[in-house]
Amino acid sequence: MPARTERYRFVPFEIEDVNAIPRRLLGGCADVTRGGGMMFERVVFLGPDGRTRAELHLKNGHVRKLEQFGFASRIDPLGET
């Protein structure tokens, strides 16, 4: 199965990454890549010009948990929330 990339909007929050190191999630839009045999979820925060601001590797399922608790929301591909 190929990896899928979805766009999310995050609220600033502190979470542990794959290596159990506390990291601060930036606020704003990020591309989340999961699946395709990856052992983690890759979160890439984008700047206003489309450049990468930060990249995090989170455990599988953590982005969905953040979505359940209101710290992340998926953005529709057409630009609607």
PDB file of N, CA and C in Angstrom:
ATOM      1  N   MET A   1       0.849  -1.177   0.000  1.00  0.00           N
ATOM      2  CA  MET A   1       0.000   0.000   0.000  1.00  0.00           C
ATOM      3  C   MET A   1       0.897   1.243   0.000  1.00  0.00           C
ATOM      4  N   PRO A   2       0.677   2.168  -0.912  1.00  0.00           N
ATOM      5  CA  PRO A   2       1.499   3.383  -0.946  1.00  0.00           C
ATOM      6  C   PRO A   2       1.176   4.320   0.221  1.00  0.00           C
ATOM      7  N   ALA A   3       2.135   5.145   0.555  1.00  0.00           N
ATOM      8  CA  ALA A   3       1.940   6.120   1.632  1.00  0.00           C
ATOM      9  C   ALA A   3       0.954   7.195   1.188  1.00  0.00           C
ATOM     10  N   ARG A   4       0.152   7.683   2.132  1.00  0.00           N
ATOM     11  CA  ARG A   4      -0.813   8.755   1.862  1.00  0.00           C
ATOM     12  C   ARG A   4      -0.372  10.004   2.590  1.00  0.00           C
ATOM     13  N   THR A   5      -0.599  11.142   1.956  1.00  0.00           N
ATOM     14  CA  THR A   5      -0.300  12.425   2.586  1.00  0.00           C
ATOM     15  C   THR A   5      -1.582  13.226   2.694  1.00  0.00           C
ATOM     16  N   GLU A   6      -1.861  13.710   3.902  1.00  0.00           N
ATOM     17  CA  GLU A   6      -3.044  14.533   4.156  1.00  0.00           C
ATOM     18  C   GLU A   6      -2.583  15.829   4.808  1.00  0.00           C
ATOM     19  N   ARG A   7      -3.348  16.877   4.636  1.00  0.00           N
ATOM     20  CA  ARG A   7      -3.005  18.174   5.222  1.00  0.00           C
ATOM     21  C   ARG A   7      -3.855  18.390   6.481  1.00  0.00           C
ATOM     22  N   TYR A   8      -3.178  18.815   7.554  1.00  0.00           N
ATOM     23  CA  TYR A   8      -3.831  19.077   8.836  1.00  0.00           C
ATOM     24  C   TYR A   8      -3.484  20.486   9.294  1.00  0.00           C
ATOM     25  N   ARG A   9      -4.343  21.036  10.138  1.00  0.00           N
ATOM     26  CA  ARG A   9      -4.067  22.301  10.822  1.00  0.00           C
ATOM     27  C   ARG A   9      -3.899  21.964  12.298  1.00  0.00           C
ATOM     28  N   PHE A  10      -2.770  22.365  12.877  1.00  0.00           N
ATOM     29  CA  PHE A  10      -2.447  22.041  14.266  1.00  0.00           C
ATOM     30  C   PHE A  10      -2.501  23.280  15.150  1.00  0.00           C
ATOM     31  N   VAL A  11      -2.783  23.038  16.421  1.00  0.00           N
ATOM     32  CA  VAL A  11      -2.694  24.042  17.479  1.00  0.00           C
ATOM     33  C   VAL A  11      -1.376  23.760  18.208  1.00  0.00           C
ATOM     34  N   PRO A  12      -0.623  24.772  18.632  1.00  0.00           N
ATOM     35  CA  PRO A  12       0.638  24.504  19.341  1.00  0.00           C
ATOM     36  C   PRO A  12       0.407  23.587  20.554  1.00  0.00           C
ATOM     37  N   PHE A  13       1.228  22.541  20.653  1.00  0.00           N
ATOM     38  CA  PHE A  13       1.045  21.526  21.679  1.00  0.00           C
ATOM     39  C   PHE A  13       2.365  20.786  21.852  1.00  0.00           C
ATOM     40  N   GLU A  14       2.654  20.313  23.065  1.00  0.00           N
ATOM     41  CA  GLU A  14       3.869  19.546  23.308  1.00  0.00           C
ATOM     42  C   GLU A  14       3.536  18.057  23.333  1.00  0.00           C
ATOM     43  N   ILE A  15       4.320  17.260  22.600  1.00  0.00           N
ATOM     44  CA  ILE A  15       4.076  15.829  22.476  1.00  0.00           C
ATOM     45  C   ILE A  15       5.423  15.122  22.347  1.00  0.00           C
ATOM     46  N   GLU A  16       5.453  13.816  22.646  1.00  0.00           N
ATOM     47  CA  GLU A  16       6.682  13.038  22.493  1.00  0.00           C
ATOM     48  C   GLU A  16       6.749  12.476  21.082  1.00  0.00           C
ATOM     49  N   ASP A  17       7.949  12.521  20.489  1.00  0.00           N
ATOM     50  CA  ASP A  17       8.110  11.953  19.155  1.00  0.00           C
ATOM     51  C   ASP A  17       8.435  10.466  19.260  1.00  0.00           C
ATOM     52  N   VAL A  18       8.841   9.844  18.160  1.00  0.00           N
ATOM     53  CA  VAL A  18       9.116   8.408  18.120  1.00  0.00           C
ATOM     54  C   VAL A  18      10.212   8.013  19.100  1.00  0.00           C
ATOM     55  N   ASN A  19      11.188   8.879  19.294  1.00  0.00           N
ATOM     56  CA  ASN A  19      12.307   8.580  20.189  1.00  0.00           C
ATOM     57  C   ASN A  19      12.047   9.000  21.631  1.00  0.00           C
ATOM     58  N   ALA A  20      10.811   9.272  21.989  1.00  0.00           N
ATOM     59  CA  ALA A  20      10.394   9.672  23.335  1.00  0.00           C
ATOM     60  C   ALA A  20      11.034  10.985  23.769  1.00  0.00           C
ATOM     61  N   ILE A  21      11.291  11.853  22.820  1.00  0.00           N
ATOM     62  CA  ILE A  21      11.828  13.179  23.111  1.00  0.00           C
ATOM     63  C   ILE A  21      10.678  14.180  23.044  1.00  0.00           C
ATOM     64  N   PRO A  22      10.462  14.969  24.099  1.00  0.00           N
ATOM     65  CA  PRO A  22       9.376  15.951  24.039  1.00  0.00           C
ATOM     66  C   PRO A  22       9.640  17.000  22.963  1.00  0.00           C
ATOM     67  N   ARG A  23       8.670  17.200  22.109  1.00  0.00           N
ATOM     68  CA  ARG A  23       8.779  18.174  21.022  1.00  0.00           C
ATOM     69  C   ARG A  23       7.565  19.082  21.063  1.00  0.00           C
ATOM     70  N   ARG A  24       7.729  20.273  20.562  1.00  0.00           N
ATOM     71  CA  ARG A  24       6.634  21.235  20.499  1.00  0.00           C
ATOM     72  C   ARG A  24       6.071  21.240  19.081  1.00  0.00           C
ATOM     73  N   LEU A  25       4.787  20.907  18.954  1.00  0.00           N
ATOM     74  CA  LEU A  25       4.125  21.016  17.661  1.00  0.00           C
ATOM     75  C   LEU A  25       3.918  22.489  17.362  1.00  0.00           C
ATOM     76  N   LEU A  26       4.275  22.900  16.180  1.00  0.00           N
ATOM     77  CA  LEU A  26       4.051  24.277  15.777  1.00  0.00           C
ATOM     78  C   LEU A  26       2.582  24.461  15.422  1.00  0.00           C
ATOM     79  N   GLY A  27       2.101  25.664  15.502  1.00  0.00           N
ATOM     80  CA  GLY A  27       0.750  25.946  15.047  1.00  0.00           C
ATOM     81  C   GLY A  27       0.762  26.176  13.550  1.00  0.00           C
ATOM     82  N   GLY A  28      -0.305  25.795  12.883  1.00  0.00           N
ATOM     83  CA  GLY A  28      -0.403  26.038  11.452  1.00  0.00           C
ATOM     84  C   GLY A  28      -0.602  24.767  10.668  1.00  0.00           C
ATOM     85  N   CYS A  29      -0.391  24.854   9.369  1.00  0.00           N
ATOM     86  CA  CYS A  29      -0.638  23.741   8.453  1.00  0.00           C
ATOM     87  C   CYS A  29       0.571  22.819   8.376  1.00  0.00           C
ATOM     88  N   ALA A  30       0.273  21.522   8.221  1.00  0.00           N
ATOM     89  CA  ALA A  30       1.328  20.524   8.074  1.00  0.00           C
ATOM     90  C   ALA A  30       0.831  19.400   7.187  1.00  0.00           C
ATOM     91  N   ASP A  31       1.754  18.785   6.466  1.00  0.00           N
ATOM     92  CA  ASP A  31       1.456  17.584   5.698  1.00  0.00           C
ATOM     93  C   ASP A  31       1.797  16.383   6.561  1.00  0.00           C
ATOM     94  N   VAL A  32       0.851  15.446   6.695  1.00  0.00           N
ATOM     95  CA  VAL A  32       1.047  14.241   7.492  1.00  0.00           C
ATOM     96  C   VAL A  32       1.076  13.062   6.531  1.00  0.00           C
ATOM     97  N   THR A  33       2.184  12.303   6.545  1.00  0.00           N
ATOM     98  CA  THR A  33       2.337  11.131   5.692  1.00  0.00           C
ATOM     99  C   THR A  33       2.294   9.901   6.577  1.00  0.00           C
ATOM    100  N   ARG A  34       1.449   8.939   6.178  1.00  0.00           N
ATOM    101  CA  ARG A  34       1.322   7.692   6.945  1.00  0.00           C
ATOM    102  C   ARG A  34       1.113   6.536   5.975  1.00  0.00           C
ATOM    103  N   GLY A  35       1.367   5.329   6.457  1.00  0.00           N
ATOM    104  CA  GLY A  35       1.175   4.140   5.633  1.00  0.00           C
ATOM    105  C   GLY A  35       2.398   3.835   4.791  1.00  0.00           C
ATOM    106  N   GLY A  36       2.234   2.909   3.853  1.00  0.00           N
ATOM    107  CA  GLY A  36       3.323   2.558   2.954  1.00  0.00           C
ATOM    108  C   GLY A  36       4.481   1.867   3.648  1.00  0.00           C
ATOM    109  N   GLY A  37       4.225   1.173   4.746  1.00  0.00           N
ATOM    110  CA  GLY A  37       5.286   0.476   5.462  1.00  0.00           C
ATOM    111  C   GLY A  37       6.059   1.346   6.427  1.00  0.00           C
ATOM    112  N   MET A  38       5.650   2.607   6.594  1.00  0.00           N
ATOM    113  CA  MET A  38       6.348   3.497   7.527  1.00  0.00           C
ATOM    114  C   MET A  38       6.031   3.085   8.961  1.00  0.00           C
ATOM    115  N   MET A  39       7.016   3.158   9.822  1.00  0.00           N
ATOM    116  CA  MET A  39       6.839   2.776  11.218  1.00  0.00           C
ATOM    117  C   MET A  39       6.390   3.960  12.069  1.00  0.00           C
ATOM    118  N   PHE A  40       6.187   5.105  11.443  1.00  0.00           N
ATOM    119  CA  PHE A  40       5.800   6.306  12.169  1.00  0.00           C
ATOM    120  C   PHE A  40       5.019   7.199  11.230  1.00  0.00           C
ATOM    121  N   GLU A  41       4.441   8.277  11.777  1.00  0.00           N
ATOM    122  CA  GLU A  41       3.770   9.288  10.968  1.00  0.00           C
ATOM    123  C   GLU A  41       4.719  10.471  10.820  1.00  0.00           C
ATOM    124  N   ARG A  42       4.931  10.907   9.608  1.00  0.00           N
ATOM    125  CA  ARG A  42       5.849  12.022   9.321  1.00  0.00           C
ATOM    126  C   ARG A  42       5.029  13.293   9.205  1.00  0.00           C
ATOM    127  N   VAL A  43       5.322  14.278  10.063  1.00  0.00           N
ATOM    128  CA  VAL A  43       4.605  15.549  10.087  1.00  0.00           C
ATOM    129  C   VAL A  43       5.575  16.634   9.628  1.00  0.00           C
ATOM    130  N   VAL A  44       5.230  17.306   8.531  1.00  0.00           N
ATOM    131  CA  VAL A  44       6.080  18.358   7.970  1.00  0.00           C
ATOM    132  C   VAL A  44       5.297  19.667   8.002  1.00  0.00           C
ATOM    133  N   PHE A  45       5.751  20.615   8.836  1.00  0.00           N
ATOM    134  CA  PHE A  45       5.111  21.927   8.923  1.00  0.00           C
ATOM    135  C   PHE A  45       5.611  22.809   7.794  1.00  0.00           C
ATOM    136  N   LEU A  46       4.674  23.481   7.126  1.00  0.00           N
ATOM    137  CA  LEU A  46       5.001  24.307   5.980  1.00  0.00           C
ATOM    138  C   LEU A  46       4.908  25.777   6.323  1.00  0.00           C
ATOM    139  N   GLY A  47       5.818  26.565   5.765  1.00  0.00           N
ATOM    140  CA  GLY A  47       5.790  28.013   5.914  1.00  0.00           C
ATOM    141  C   GLY A  47       4.881  28.632   4.873  1.00  0.00           C
ATOM    142  N   PRO A  48       4.719  29.949   4.914  1.00  0.00           N
ATOM    143  CA  PRO A  48       3.834  30.622   3.973  1.00  0.00           C
ATOM    144  C   PRO A  48       4.270  30.479   2.516  1.00  0.00           C
ATOM    145  N   ASP A  49       5.556  30.279   2.283  1.00  0.00           N
ATOM    146  CA  ASP A  49       6.041  30.144   0.912  1.00  0.00           C
ATOM    147  C   ASP A  49       6.140  28.684   0.471  1.00  0.00           C
ATOM    148  N   GLY A  50       5.638  27.746   1.284  1.00  0.00           N
ATOM    149  CA  GLY A  50       5.664  26.327   0.944  1.00  0.00           C
ATOM    150  C   GLY A  50       6.923  25.605   1.378  1.00  0.00           C
ATOM    151  N   ARG A  51       7.863  26.318   1.984  1.00  0.00           N
ATOM    152  CA  ARG A  51       9.082  25.683   2.483  1.00  0.00           C
ATOM    153  C   ARG A  51       8.801  24.913   3.764  1.00  0.00           C
ATOM    154  N   THR A  52       9.676  23.968   4.069  1.00  0.00           N
ATOM    155  CA  THR A  52       9.562  23.189   5.295  1.00  0.00           C
ATOM    156  C   THR A  52      10.058  23.999   6.476  1.00  0.00           C
ATOM    157  N   ARG A  53       9.197  24.177   7.504  1.00  0.00           N
ATOM    158  CA  ARG A  53       9.602  24.864   8.741  1.00  0.00           C
ATOM    159  C   ARG A  53      10.166  23.879   9.747  1.00  0.00           C
ATOM    160  N   ALA A  54       9.506  22.725   9.876  1.00  0.00           N
ATOM    161  CA  ALA A  54       9.941  21.715  10.838  1.00  0.00           C
ATOM    162  C   ALA A  54       9.409  20.362  10.404  1.00  0.00           C
ATOM    163  N   GLU A  55      10.119  19.310  10.793  1.00  0.00           N
ATOM    164  CA  GLU A  55       9.679  17.948  10.492  1.00  0.00           C
ATOM    165  C   GLU A  55       9.750  17.126  11.769  1.00  0.00           C
ATOM    166  N   LEU A  56       8.672  16.399  12.063  1.00  0.00           N
ATOM    167  CA  LEU A  56       8.595  15.539  13.243  1.00  0.00           C
ATOM    168  C   LEU A  56       8.191  14.141  12.819  1.00  0.00           C
ATOM    169  N   HIS A  57       8.618  13.144  13.585  1.00  0.00           N
ATOM    170  CA  HIS A  57       8.163  11.784  13.384  1.00  0.00           C
ATOM    171  C   HIS A  57       7.410  11.386  14.653  1.00  0.00           C
ATOM    172  N   LEU A  58       6.108  11.122  14.508  1.00  0.00           N
ATOM    173  CA  LEU A  58       5.269  10.739  15.641  1.00  0.00           C
ATOM    174  C   LEU A  58       4.875   9.278  15.522  1.00  0.00           C
ATOM    175  N   LYS A  59       4.537   8.683  16.646  1.00  0.00           N
ATOM    176  CA  LYS A  59       4.089   7.294  16.644  1.00  0.00           C
ATOM    177  C   LYS A  59       2.787   7.182  15.860  1.00  0.00           C
ATOM    178  N   ASN A  60       2.571   5.995  15.283  1.00  0.00           N
ATOM    179  CA  ASN A  60       1.349   5.768  14.517  1.00  0.00           C
ATOM    180  C   ASN A  60       0.118   5.999  15.390  1.00  0.00           C
ATOM    181  N   GLY A  61      -0.840   6.731  14.877  1.00  0.00           N
ATOM    182  CA  GLY A  61      -2.086   6.984  15.582  1.00  0.00           C
ATOM    183  C   GLY A  61      -2.108   8.252  16.412  1.00  0.00           C
ATOM    184  N   HIS A  62      -0.969   8.887  16.620  1.00  0.00           N
ATOM    185  CA  HIS A  62      -0.954  10.083  17.471  1.00  0.00           C
ATOM    186  C   HIS A  62      -1.643  11.274  16.825  1.00  0.00           C
ATOM    187  N   VAL A  63      -1.535  11.416  15.508  1.00  0.00           N
ATOM    188  CA  VAL A  63      -2.215  12.537  14.852  1.00  0.00           C
ATOM    189  C   VAL A  63      -3.727  12.357  14.960  1.00  0.00           C
ATOM    190  N   ARG A  64      -4.203  11.129  14.823  1.00  0.00           N
ATOM    191  CA  ARG A  64      -5.646  10.872  14.964  1.00  0.00           C
ATOM    192  C   ARG A  64      -6.124  11.160  16.393  1.00  0.00           C
ATOM    193  N   LYS A  65      -5.292  10.853  17.388  1.00  0.00           N
ATOM    194  CA  LYS A  65      -5.653  11.172  18.771  1.00  0.00           C
ATOM    195  C   LYS A  65      -5.704  12.681  18.982  1.00  0.00           C
ATOM    196  N   LEU A  66      -4.736  13.400  18.406  1.00  0.00           N
ATOM    197  CA  LEU A  66      -4.759  14.858  18.498  1.00  0.00           C
ATOM    198  C   LEU A  66      -6.018  15.410  17.831  1.00  0.00           C
ATOM    199  N   GLU A  67      -6.445  14.770  16.743  1.00  0.00           N
ATOM    200  CA  GLU A  67      -7.661  15.200  16.056  1.00  0.00           C
ATOM    201  C   GLU A  67      -8.896  14.969  16.935  1.00  0.00           C
ATOM    202  N   GLN A  68      -8.926  13.854  17.652  1.00  0.00           N
ATOM    203  CA  GLN A  68     -10.049  13.548  18.539  1.00  0.00           C
ATOM    204  C   GLN A  68     -10.167  14.563  19.666  1.00  0.00           C
ATOM    205  N   PHE A  69      -9.035  15.038  20.184  1.00  0.00           N
ATOM    206  CA  PHE A  69      -9.042  15.957  21.313  1.00  0.00           C
ATOM    207  C   PHE A  69      -9.029  17.428  20.904  1.00  0.00           C
ATOM    208  N   GLY A  70      -9.088  17.711  19.601  1.00  0.00           N
ATOM    209  CA  GLY A  70      -9.232  19.081  19.132  1.00  0.00           C
ATOM    210  C   GLY A  70      -7.940  19.847  18.918  1.00  0.00           C
ATOM    211  N   PHE A  71      -6.784  19.162  18.958  1.00  0.00           N
ATOM    212  CA  PHE A  71      -5.509  19.837  18.728  1.00  0.00           C
ATOM    213  C   PHE A  71      -5.112  19.825  17.255  1.00  0.00           C
ATOM    214  N   ALA A  72      -5.835  19.050  16.441  1.00  0.00           N
ATOM    215  CA  ALA A  72      -5.564  18.986  15.003  1.00  0.00           C
ATOM    216  C   ALA A  72      -6.887  18.829  14.273  1.00  0.00           C
ATOM    217  N   SER A  73      -6.953  19.379  13.080  1.00  0.00           N
ATOM    218  CA  SER A  73      -8.140  19.198  12.236  1.00  0.00           C
ATOM    219  C   SER A  73      -7.681  19.027  10.798  1.00  0.00           C
ATOM    220  N   ARG A  74      -8.309  18.050  10.120  1.00  0.00           N
ATOM    221  CA  ARG A  74      -7.934  17.781   8.739  1.00  0.00           C
ATOM    222  C   ARG A  74      -8.499  18.858   7.831  1.00  0.00           C
ATOM    223  N   ILE A  75      -7.703  19.272   6.860  1.00  0.00           N
ATOM    224  CA  ILE A  75      -8.116  20.300   5.917  1.00  0.00           C
ATOM    225  C   ILE A  75      -8.541  19.607   4.628  1.00  0.00           C
ATOM    226  N   ASP A  76      -9.674  19.994   4.110  1.00  0.00           N
ATOM    227  CA  ASP A  76     -10.182  19.439   2.872  1.00  0.00           C
ATOM    228  C   ASP A  76      -9.220  19.801   1.729  1.00  0.00           C
ATOM    229  N   PRO A  77      -8.976  18.876   0.803  1.00  0.00           N
ATOM    230  CA  PRO A  77      -8.051  19.177  -0.298  1.00  0.00           C
ATOM    231  C   PRO A  77      -8.463  20.385  -1.134  1.00  0.00           C
ATOM    232  N   LEU A  78      -9.730  20.742  -1.130  1.00  0.00           N
ATOM    233  CA  LEU A  78     -10.194  21.895  -1.901  1.00  0.00           C
ATOM    234  C   LEU A  78     -10.003  23.198  -1.163  1.00  0.00           C
ATOM    235  N   GLY A  79      -9.459  23.144   0.058  1.00  0.00           N
ATOM    236  CA  GLY A  79      -9.224  24.360   0.818  1.00  0.00           C
ATOM    237  C   GLY A  79     -10.312  24.682   1.816  1.00  0.00           C
ATOM    238  N   GLU A  80     -11.333  23.831   1.908  1.00  0.00           N
ATOM    239  CA  GLU A  80     -12.411  24.057   2.871  1.00  0.00           C
ATOM    240  C   GLU A  80     -12.122  23.250   4.115  1.00  0.00           C
ATOM    241  N   THR A  81     -12.480  23.778   5.290  1.00  0.00           N
ATOM    242  CA  THR A  81     -12.239  23.040   6.531  1.00  0.00           C
ATOM    243  C   THR A  81     -13.444  22.226   6.909  1.00  0.00           C
TER     244      THR A  81
END
